[in-house]
PDB file of N, CA and C in Angstrom:
ATOM      1  N   MET A   1     113.872 223.186 127.367  1.00  0.00           N
ATOM      2  CA  MET A   1     114.003 222.502 128.627  1.00  0.00           C
ATOM      3  C   MET A   1     113.143 221.237 128.655  1.00  0.00           C
ATOM      4  N   ILE A   2     111.903 221.357 128.206  1.00  0.00           N
ATOM      5  CA  ILE A   2     111.022 220.190 128.185  1.00  0.00           C
ATOM      6  C   ILE A   2     111.557 219.140 127.225  1.00  0.00           C
ATOM      7  N   GLU A   3     112.145 219.600 126.099  1.00  0.00           N
ATOM      8  CA  GLU A   3     112.731 218.666 125.141  1.00  0.00           C
ATOM      9  C   GLU A   3     113.886 217.895 125.782  1.00  0.00           C
ATOM     10  N   THR A   4     114.686 218.585 126.570  1.00  0.00           N
ATOM     11  CA  THR A   4     115.811 217.939 127.245  1.00  0.00           C
ATOM     12  C   THR A   4     115.315 216.896 128.238  1.00  0.00           C
ATOM     13  N   ILE A   5     114.273 217.236 128.982  1.00  0.00           N
ATOM     14  CA  ILE A   5     113.701 216.289 129.939  1.00  0.00           C
ATOM     15  C   ILE A   5     113.148 215.071 129.204  1.00  0.00           C
ATOM     16  N   LEU A   6     112.435 215.296 128.118  1.00  0.00           N
ATOM     17  CA  LEU A   6     111.868 214.178 127.365  1.00  0.00           C
ATOM     18  C   LEU A   6     112.948 213.312 126.728  1.00  0.00           C
ATOM     19  N   MET A   7     114.050 213.933 126.298  1.00  0.00           N
ATOM     20  CA  MET A   7     115.130 213.155 125.699  1.00  0.00           C
ATOM     21  C   MET A   7     115.841 212.292 126.738  1.00  0.00           C
ATOM     22  N   HIS A   8     115.869 212.742 127.980  1.00  0.00           N
ATOM     23  CA  HIS A   8     116.603 212.039 129.039  1.00  0.00           C
ATOM     24  C   HIS A   8     115.671 211.435 130.085  1.00  0.00           C
ATOM     25  N   LYS A   9     114.433 211.149 129.695  1.00  0.00           N
ATOM     26  CA  LYS A   9     113.476 210.657 130.676  1.00  0.00           C
ATOM     27  C   LYS A   9     113.887 209.312 131.270  1.00  0.00           C
ATOM     28  N   ALA A  10     114.526 208.458 130.505  1.00  0.00           N
ATOM     29  CA  ALA A  10     114.958 207.157 131.031  1.00  0.00           C
ATOM     30  C   ALA A  10     116.013 207.345 132.127  1.00  0.00           C
ATOM     31  N   GLU A  11     116.955 208.237 131.894  1.00  0.00           N
ATOM     32  CA  GLU A  11     117.996 208.496 132.892  1.00  0.00           C
ATOM     33  C   GLU A  11     117.413 209.139 134.149  1.00  0.00           C
ATOM     34  N   ILE A  12     116.438 210.021 133.978  1.00  0.00           N
ATOM     35  CA  ILE A  12     115.793 210.678 135.125  1.00  0.00           C
ATOM     36  C   ILE A  12     115.033 209.653 135.955  1.00  0.00           C
ATOM     37  N   ILE A  13     114.304 208.771 135.293  1.00  0.00           N
ATOM     38  CA  ILE A  13     113.549 207.730 136.003  1.00  0.00           C
ATOM     39  C   ILE A  13     114.504 206.798 136.740  1.00  0.00           C
ATOM     40  N   GLU A  14     115.610 206.413 136.092  1.00  0.00           N
ATOM     41  CA  GLU A  14     116.593 205.548 136.742  1.00  0.00           C
ATOM     42  C   GLU A  14     117.188 206.217 137.981  1.00  0.00           C
ATOM     43  N   ALA A  15     117.484 207.507 137.890  1.00  0.00           N
ATOM     44  CA  ALA A  15     118.066 208.226 139.030  1.00  0.00           C
ATOM     45  C   ALA A  15     117.076 208.300 140.194  1.00  0.00           C
ATOM     46  N   VAL A  16     115.815 208.607 139.895  1.00  0.00           N
ATOM     47  CA  VAL A  16     114.792 208.686 140.944  1.00  0.00           C
ATOM     48  C   VAL A  16     114.588 207.322 141.593  1.00  0.00           C
ATOM     49  N   LEU A  17     114.504 206.276 140.801  1.00  0.00           N
ATOM     50  CA  LEU A  17     114.333 204.932 141.352  1.00  0.00           C
ATOM     51  C   LEU A  17     115.554 204.497 142.153  1.00  0.00           C
ATOM     52  N   GLY A  18     116.735 204.925 141.729  1.00  0.00           N
ATOM     53  CA  GLY A  18     117.952 204.625 142.486  1.00  0.00           C
ATOM     54  C   GLY A  18     117.933 205.264 143.858  1.00  0.00           C
ATOM     55  N   VAL A  19     117.469 206.506 143.938  1.00  0.00           N
ATOM     56  CA  VAL A  19     117.367 207.197 145.232  1.00  0.00           C
ATOM     57  C   VAL A  19     116.361 206.474 146.128  1.00  0.00           C
ATOM     58  N   VAL A  20     115.235 206.058 145.568  1.00  0.00           N
ATOM     59  CA  VAL A  20     114.214 205.355 146.354  1.00  0.00           C
ATOM     60  C   VAL A  20     114.773 204.032 146.888  1.00  0.00           C
ATOM     61  N   VAL A  21     115.505 203.303 146.051  1.00  0.00           N
ATOM     62  CA  VAL A  21     116.050 202.008 146.466  1.00  0.00           C
ATOM     63  C   VAL A  21     117.081 202.187 147.576  1.00  0.00           C
ATOM     64  N   VAL A  22     118.004 203.127 147.414  1.00  0.00           N
ATOM     65  CA  VAL A  22     119.035 203.351 148.437  1.00  0.00           C
ATOM     66  C   VAL A  22     118.396 203.805 149.747  1.00  0.00           C
ATOM     67  N   ALA A  23     117.450 204.714 149.682  1.00  0.00           N
ATOM     68  CA  ALA A  23     116.772 205.176 150.899  1.00  0.00           C
ATOM     69  C   ALA A  23     115.990 204.040 151.549  1.00  0.00           C
ATOM     70  N   SER A  24     115.364 203.181 150.756  1.00  0.00           N
ATOM     71  CA  SER A  24     114.618 202.055 151.307  1.00  0.00           C
ATOM     72  C   SER A  24     115.536 201.068 152.024  1.00  0.00           C
ATOM     73  N   VAL A  25     116.701 200.826 151.473  1.00  0.00           N
ATOM     74  CA  VAL A  25     117.661 199.924 152.101  1.00  0.00           C
ATOM     75  C   VAL A  25     118.136 200.497 153.430  1.00  0.00           C
ATOM     76  N   ILE A  26     118.427 201.792 153.465  1.00  0.00           N
ATOM     77  CA  ILE A  26     118.878 202.431 154.706  1.00  0.00           C
ATOM     78  C   ILE A  26     117.774 202.399 155.754  1.00  0.00           C
ATOM     79  N   VAL A  27     116.555 202.764 155.370  1.00  0.00           N
ATOM     80  CA  VAL A  27     115.429 202.793 156.316  1.00  0.00           C
ATOM     81  C   VAL A  27     115.099 201.386 156.807  1.00  0.00           C
ATOM     82  N   GLY A  28     115.137 200.422 155.924  1.00  0.00           N
ATOM     83  CA  GLY A  28     114.812 199.053 156.297  1.00  0.00           C
ATOM     84  C   GLY A  28     115.863 198.402 157.173  1.00  0.00           C
ATOM     85  N   GLY A  29     117.092 198.868 157.102  1.00  0.00           N
ATOM     86  CA  GLY A  29     118.174 198.233 157.844  1.00  0.00           C
ATOM     87  C   GLY A  29     118.574 198.929 159.119  1.00  0.00           C
ATOM     88  N   THR A  30     117.895 200.001 159.489  1.00  0.00           N
ATOM     89  CA  THR A  30     118.263 200.734 160.701  1.00  0.00           C
ATOM     90  C   THR A  30     117.068 200.861 161.640  1.00  0.00           C
ATOM     91  N   LYS A  31     117.381 201.057 162.919  1.00  0.00           N
ATOM     92  CA  LYS A  31     116.331 201.330 163.895  1.00  0.00           C
ATOM     93  C   LYS A  31     115.902 202.785 163.769  1.00  0.00           C
ATOM     94  N   THR A  32     114.662 203.042 164.096  1.00  0.00           N
ATOM     95  CA  THR A  32     114.152 204.406 164.030  1.00  0.00           C
ATOM     96  C   THR A  32     114.680 205.199 165.225  1.00  0.00           C
ATOM     97  N   PRO A  33     115.379 206.318 164.965  1.00  0.00           N
ATOM     98  CA  PRO A  33     115.878 207.130 166.082  1.00  0.00           C
ATOM     99  C   PRO A  33     114.763 207.971 166.703  1.00  0.00           C
ATOM    100  N   ASP A  34     115.079 208.595 167.823  1.00  0.00           N
ATOM    101  CA  ASP A  34     114.126 209.475 168.504  1.00  0.00           C
ATOM    102  C   ASP A  34     113.705 210.591 167.552  1.00  0.00           C
ATOM    103  N   PRO A  35     112.405 210.795 167.336  1.00  0.00           N
ATOM    104  CA  PRO A  35     111.944 211.805 166.378  1.00  0.00           C
ATOM    105  C   PRO A  35     112.344 213.236 166.731  1.00  0.00           C
ATOM    106  N   ASP A  36     112.683 213.515 167.998  1.00  0.00           N
ATOM    107  CA  ASP A  36     113.022 214.880 168.393  1.00  0.00           C
ATOM    108  C   ASP A  36     114.490 215.224 168.171  1.00  0.00           C
ATOM    109  N   SER A  37     115.335 214.244 167.894  1.00  0.00           N
ATOM    110  CA  SER A  37     116.759 214.507 167.689  1.00  0.00           C
ATOM    111  C   SER A  37     116.998 214.936 166.241  1.00  0.00           C
ATOM    112  N   TRP A  38     118.195 215.470 165.983  1.00  0.00           N
ATOM    113  CA  TRP A  38     118.513 215.890 164.610  1.00  0.00           C
ATOM    114  C   TRP A  38     118.603 214.672 163.700  1.00  0.00           C
ATOM    115  N   LEU A  39     119.052 213.550 164.255  1.00  0.00           N
ATOM    116  CA  LEU A  39     119.118 212.321 163.471  1.00  0.00           C
ATOM    117  C   LEU A  39     117.713 211.841 163.114  1.00  0.00           C
ATOM    118  N   GLY A  40     116.771 212.023 164.035  1.00  0.00           N
ATOM    119  CA  GLY A  40     115.383 211.659 163.763  1.00  0.00           C
ATOM    120  C   GLY A  40     114.778 212.499 162.652  1.00  0.00           C
ATOM    121  N   LYS A  41     115.146 213.765 162.608  1.00  0.00           N
ATOM    122  CA  LYS A  41     114.637 214.651 161.558  1.00  0.00           C
ATOM    123  C   LYS A  41     115.229 214.269 160.191  1.00  0.00           C
ATOM    124  N   ALA A  42     116.519 213.933 160.181  1.00  0.00           N
ATOM    125  CA  ALA A  42     117.151 213.480 158.936  1.00  0.00           C
ATOM    126  C   ALA A  42     116.556 212.145 158.492  1.00  0.00           C
ATOM    127  N   TYR A  43     116.245 211.292 159.464  1.00  0.00           N
ATOM    128  CA  TYR A  43     115.652 210.001 159.169  1.00  0.00           C
ATOM    129  C   TYR A  43     114.272 210.161 158.547  1.00  0.00           C
ATOM    130  N   LYS A  44     113.542 211.183 158.992  1.00  0.00           N
ATOM    131  CA  LYS A  44     112.217 211.470 158.437  1.00  0.00           C
ATOM    132  C   LYS A  44     112.331 211.772 156.931  1.00  0.00           C
ATOM    133  N   VAL A  45     113.375 212.500 156.542  1.00  0.00           N
ATOM    134  CA  VAL A  45     113.605 212.804 155.125  1.00  0.00           C
ATOM    135  C   VAL A  45     113.897 211.513 154.364  1.00  0.00           C
ATOM    136  N   LEU A  46     114.713 210.629 154.967  1.00  0.00           N
ATOM    137  CA  LEU A  46     115.009 209.344 154.333  1.00  0.00           C
ATOM    138  C   LEU A  46     113.748 208.504 154.172  1.00  0.00           C
ATOM    139  N   GLU A  47     112.878 208.515 155.187  1.00  0.00           N
ATOM    140  CA  GLU A  47     111.617 207.771 155.076  1.00  0.00           C
ATOM    141  C   GLU A  47     110.769 208.310 153.934  1.00  0.00           C
ATOM    142  N   TRP A  48     110.752 209.613 153.791  1.00  0.00           N
ATOM    143  CA  TRP A  48     110.002 210.224 152.697  1.00  0.00           C
ATOM    144  C   TRP A  48     110.599 209.806 151.350  1.00  0.00           C
ATOM    145  N   ALA A  49     111.930 209.842 151.250  1.00  0.00           N
ATOM    146  CA  ALA A  49     112.605 209.485 149.997  1.00  0.00           C
ATOM    147  C   ALA A  49     112.420 208.008 149.661  1.00  0.00           C
ATOM    148  N   SER A  50     112.239 207.173 150.693  1.00  0.00           N
ATOM    149  CA  SER A  50     112.065 205.742 150.440  1.00  0.00           C
ATOM    150  C   SER A  50     110.600 205.373 150.247  1.00  0.00           C
ATOM    151  N   LEU A  51     109.739 206.365 150.262  1.00  0.00           N
ATOM    152  CA  LEU A  51     108.296 206.175 150.090  1.00  0.00           C
ATOM    153  C   LEU A  51     107.695 205.322 151.204  1.00  0.00           C
ATOM    154  N   THR A  52     108.241 205.462 152.413  1.00  0.00           N
ATOM    155  CA  THR A  52     107.727 204.763 153.589  1.00  0.00           C
ATOM    156  C   THR A  52     106.757 205.704 154.289  1.00  0.00           C
ATOM    157  N   PHE A  53     105.464 205.471 154.106  1.00  0.00           N
ATOM    158  CA  PHE A  53     104.460 206.366 154.664  1.00  0.00           C
ATOM    159  C   PHE A  53     103.616 205.653 155.702  1.00  0.00           C
ATOM    160  N   GLY A  54     102.945 206.424 156.525  1.00  0.00           N
ATOM    161  CA  GLY A  54     102.011 205.864 157.492  1.00  0.00           C
ATOM    162  C   GLY A  54     102.705 205.070 158.578  1.00  0.00           C
ATOM    163  N   LYS A  55     102.165 203.920 158.895  1.00  0.00           N
ATOM    164  CA  LYS A  55     102.701 203.094 159.970  1.00  0.00           C
ATOM    165  C   LYS A  55     103.477 201.915 159.407  1.00  0.00           C
ATOM    166  N   ALA A  56     104.219 202.159 158.347  1.00  0.00           N
ATOM    167  CA  ALA A  56     104.975 201.087 157.716  1.00  0.00           C
ATOM    168  C   ALA A  56     106.185 200.676 158.544  1.00  0.00           C
ATOM    169  N   LYS A  57     106.607 201.518 159.463  1.00  0.00           N
ATOM    170  CA  LYS A  57     107.765 201.216 160.295  1.00  0.00           C
ATOM    171  C   LYS A  57     107.526 201.794 161.674  1.00  0.00           C
ATOM    172  N   GLU A  58     108.267 201.280 162.656  1.00  0.00           N
ATOM    173  CA  GLU A  58     108.107 201.761 164.025  1.00  0.00           C
ATOM    174  C   GLU A  58     108.429 203.256 164.129  1.00  0.00           C
ATOM    175  N   THR A  59     107.933 203.909 165.151  1.00  0.00           N
ATOM    176  CA  THR A  59     108.081 205.355 165.280  1.00  0.00           C
ATOM    177  C   THR A  59     109.301 205.780 166.061  1.00  0.00           C
ATOM    178  N   GLY A  60     109.897 204.890 166.819  1.00  0.00           N
ATOM    179  CA  GLY A  60     111.036 205.249 167.639  1.00  0.00           C
ATOM    180  C   GLY A  60     110.634 205.663 169.036  1.00  0.00           C
ATOM    181  N   GLU A  61     109.337 205.817 169.267  1.00  0.00           N
ATOM    182  CA  GLU A  61     108.873 206.177 170.601  1.00  0.00           C
ATOM    183  C   GLU A  61     108.831 204.927 171.465  1.00  0.00           C
ATOM    184  N   LYS A  62     109.222 205.070 172.715  1.00  0.00           N
ATOM    185  CA  LYS A  62     109.235 203.934 173.628  1.00  0.00           C
ATOM    186  C   LYS A  62     107.817 203.640 174.106  1.00  0.00           C
ATOM    187  N   PRO A  63     107.474 202.353 174.247  1.00  0.00           N
ATOM    188  CA  PRO A  63     106.136 202.016 174.746  1.00  0.00           C
ATOM    189  C   PRO A  63     106.004 202.404 176.220  1.00  0.00           C
ATOM    190  N   VAL A  64     104.786 202.671 176.626  1.00  0.00           N
ATOM    191  CA  VAL A  64     104.517 203.044 178.012  1.00  0.00           C
ATOM    192  C   VAL A  64     104.680 201.807 178.886  1.00  0.00           C
ATOM    193  N   GLU A  65     105.469 201.945 179.962  1.00  0.00           N
ATOM    194  CA  GLU A  65     105.688 200.822 180.862  1.00  0.00           C
ATOM    195  C   GLU A  65     104.630 200.809 181.954  1.00  0.00           C
ATOM    196  N   LYS A  66     104.239 199.616 182.361  1.00  0.00           N
ATOM    197  CA  LYS A  66     103.256 199.455 183.436  1.00  0.00           C
ATOM    198  C   LYS A  66     104.011 199.367 184.762  1.00  0.00           C
ATOM    199  N   ILE A  67     103.488 200.028 185.777  1.00  0.00           N
ATOM    200  CA  ILE A  67     104.060 199.937 187.114  1.00  0.00           C
ATOM    201  C   ILE A  67     102.958 199.537 188.087  1.00  0.00           C
ATOM    202  N   GLU A  68     103.356 198.953 189.192  1.00  0.00           N
ATOM    203  CA  GLU A  68     102.377 198.568 190.201  1.00  0.00           C
ATOM    204  C   GLU A  68     102.350 199.618 191.296  1.00  0.00           C
ATOM    205  N   VAL A  69     101.134 200.016 191.673  1.00  0.00           N
ATOM    206  CA  VAL A  69     100.948 201.024 192.706  1.00  0.00           C
ATOM    207  C   VAL A  69     100.085 200.416 193.802  1.00  0.00           C
ATOM    208  N   LYS A  70     100.524 200.582 195.022  1.00  0.00           N
ATOM    209  CA  LYS A  70      99.758 200.047 196.140  1.00  0.00           C
ATOM    210  C   LYS A  70      98.560 200.970 196.392  1.00  0.00           C
ATOM    211  N   VAL A  71      97.339 200.422 196.270  1.00  0.00           N
ATOM    212  CA  VAL A  71      96.123 201.208 196.404  1.00  0.00           C
ATOM    213  C   VAL A  71      95.566 201.087 197.817  1.00  0.00           C
ATOM    214  N   ALA A  72      95.443 199.904 198.281  1.00  0.00           N
ATOM    215  CA  ALA A  72      94.942 199.651 199.626  1.00  0.00           C
ATOM    216  C   ALA A  72      95.751 198.489 200.193  1.00  0.00           C
ATOM    217  N   GLU A  73      95.633 198.257 201.422  1.00  0.00           N
ATOM    218  CA  GLU A  73      96.399 197.194 202.067  1.00  0.00           C
ATOM    219  C   GLU A  73      96.131 195.849 201.402  1.00  0.00           C
ATOM    220  N   GLY A  74      97.179 195.258 200.841  1.00  0.00           N
ATOM    221  CA  GLY A  74      97.074 193.929 200.268  1.00  0.00           C
ATOM    222  C   GLY A  74      96.626 193.881 198.812  1.00  0.00           C
ATOM    223  N   THR A  75      96.317 195.016 198.143  1.00  0.00           N
ATOM    224  CA  THR A  75      95.898 194.983 196.741  1.00  0.00           C
ATOM    225  C   THR A  75      96.819 195.868 195.917  1.00  0.00           C
ATOM    226  N   THR A  76      97.022 195.493 194.673  1.00  0.00           N
ATOM    227  CA  THR A  76      97.830 196.296 193.753  1.00  0.00           C
ATOM    228  C   THR A  76      97.078 196.462 192.439  1.00  0.00           C
ATOM    229  N   VAL A  77      97.351 197.547 191.746  1.00  0.00           N
ATOM    230  CA  VAL A  77      96.732 197.830 190.463  1.00  0.00           C
ATOM    231  C   VAL A  77      97.833 198.291 189.522  1.00  0.00           C
ATOM    232  N   LYS A  78      97.812 197.846 188.257  1.00  0.00           N
ATOM    233  CA  LYS A  78      98.788 198.291 187.265  1.00  0.00           C
ATOM    234  C   LYS A  78      98.263 199.547 186.595  1.00  0.00           C
ATOM    235  N   VAL A  79      99.107 200.579 186.492  1.00  0.00           N
ATOM    236  CA  VAL A  79      98.711 201.842 185.874  1.00  0.00           C
ATOM    237  C   VAL A  79      99.794 202.258 184.878  1.00  0.00           C
ATOM    238  N   ASP A  80      99.418 203.122 183.928  1.00  0.00           N
ATOM    239  CA  ASP A  80     100.371 203.658 182.975  1.00  0.00           C
ATOM    240  C   ASP A  80     101.152 204.789 183.639  1.00  0.00           C
ATOM    241  N   GLU A  81     102.455 204.842 183.356  1.00  0.00           N
ATOM    242  CA  GLU A  81     103.269 205.920 183.890  1.00  0.00           C
ATOM    243  C   GLU A  81     102.891 207.267 183.280  1.00  0.00           C
ATOM    244  N   ALA A  82     102.392 207.262 182.060  1.00  0.00           N
ATOM    245  CA  ALA A  82     102.054 208.499 181.377  1.00  0.00           C
ATOM    246  C   ALA A  82     100.856 209.194 182.012  1.00  0.00           C
ATOM    247  N   LYS A  83      99.961 208.442 182.647  1.00  0.00           N
ATOM    248  CA  LYS A  83      98.782 209.051 183.265  1.00  0.00           C
ATOM    249  C   LYS A  83      99.155 209.663 184.591  1.00  0.00           C
ATOM    250  N   GLU A  84      98.516 210.755 184.905  1.00  0.00           N
ATOM    251  CA  GLU A  84      98.799 211.420 186.185  1.00  0.00           C
ATOM    252  C   GLU A  84      97.618 211.363 187.098  1.00  0.00           C
TER     253      GLU A  84
END
């Protein structure tokens, strides 16, 4: 088995690099879906296959929007919607 792998190491390396290139093209050309959906989970596998680690691409999570809340008569303050 090891002899077979060593005899075909060039083909194995080409196949692995081909998978990385195709996955990188797909990941680079698409928007990141919601991580909780099934598409987001499949996308996570593609990111792994394309060697995209860390914060190399957006997460798909929406940024927190600021809203204005009336605090006292005549004054407003911007707060995060995520805070309660």
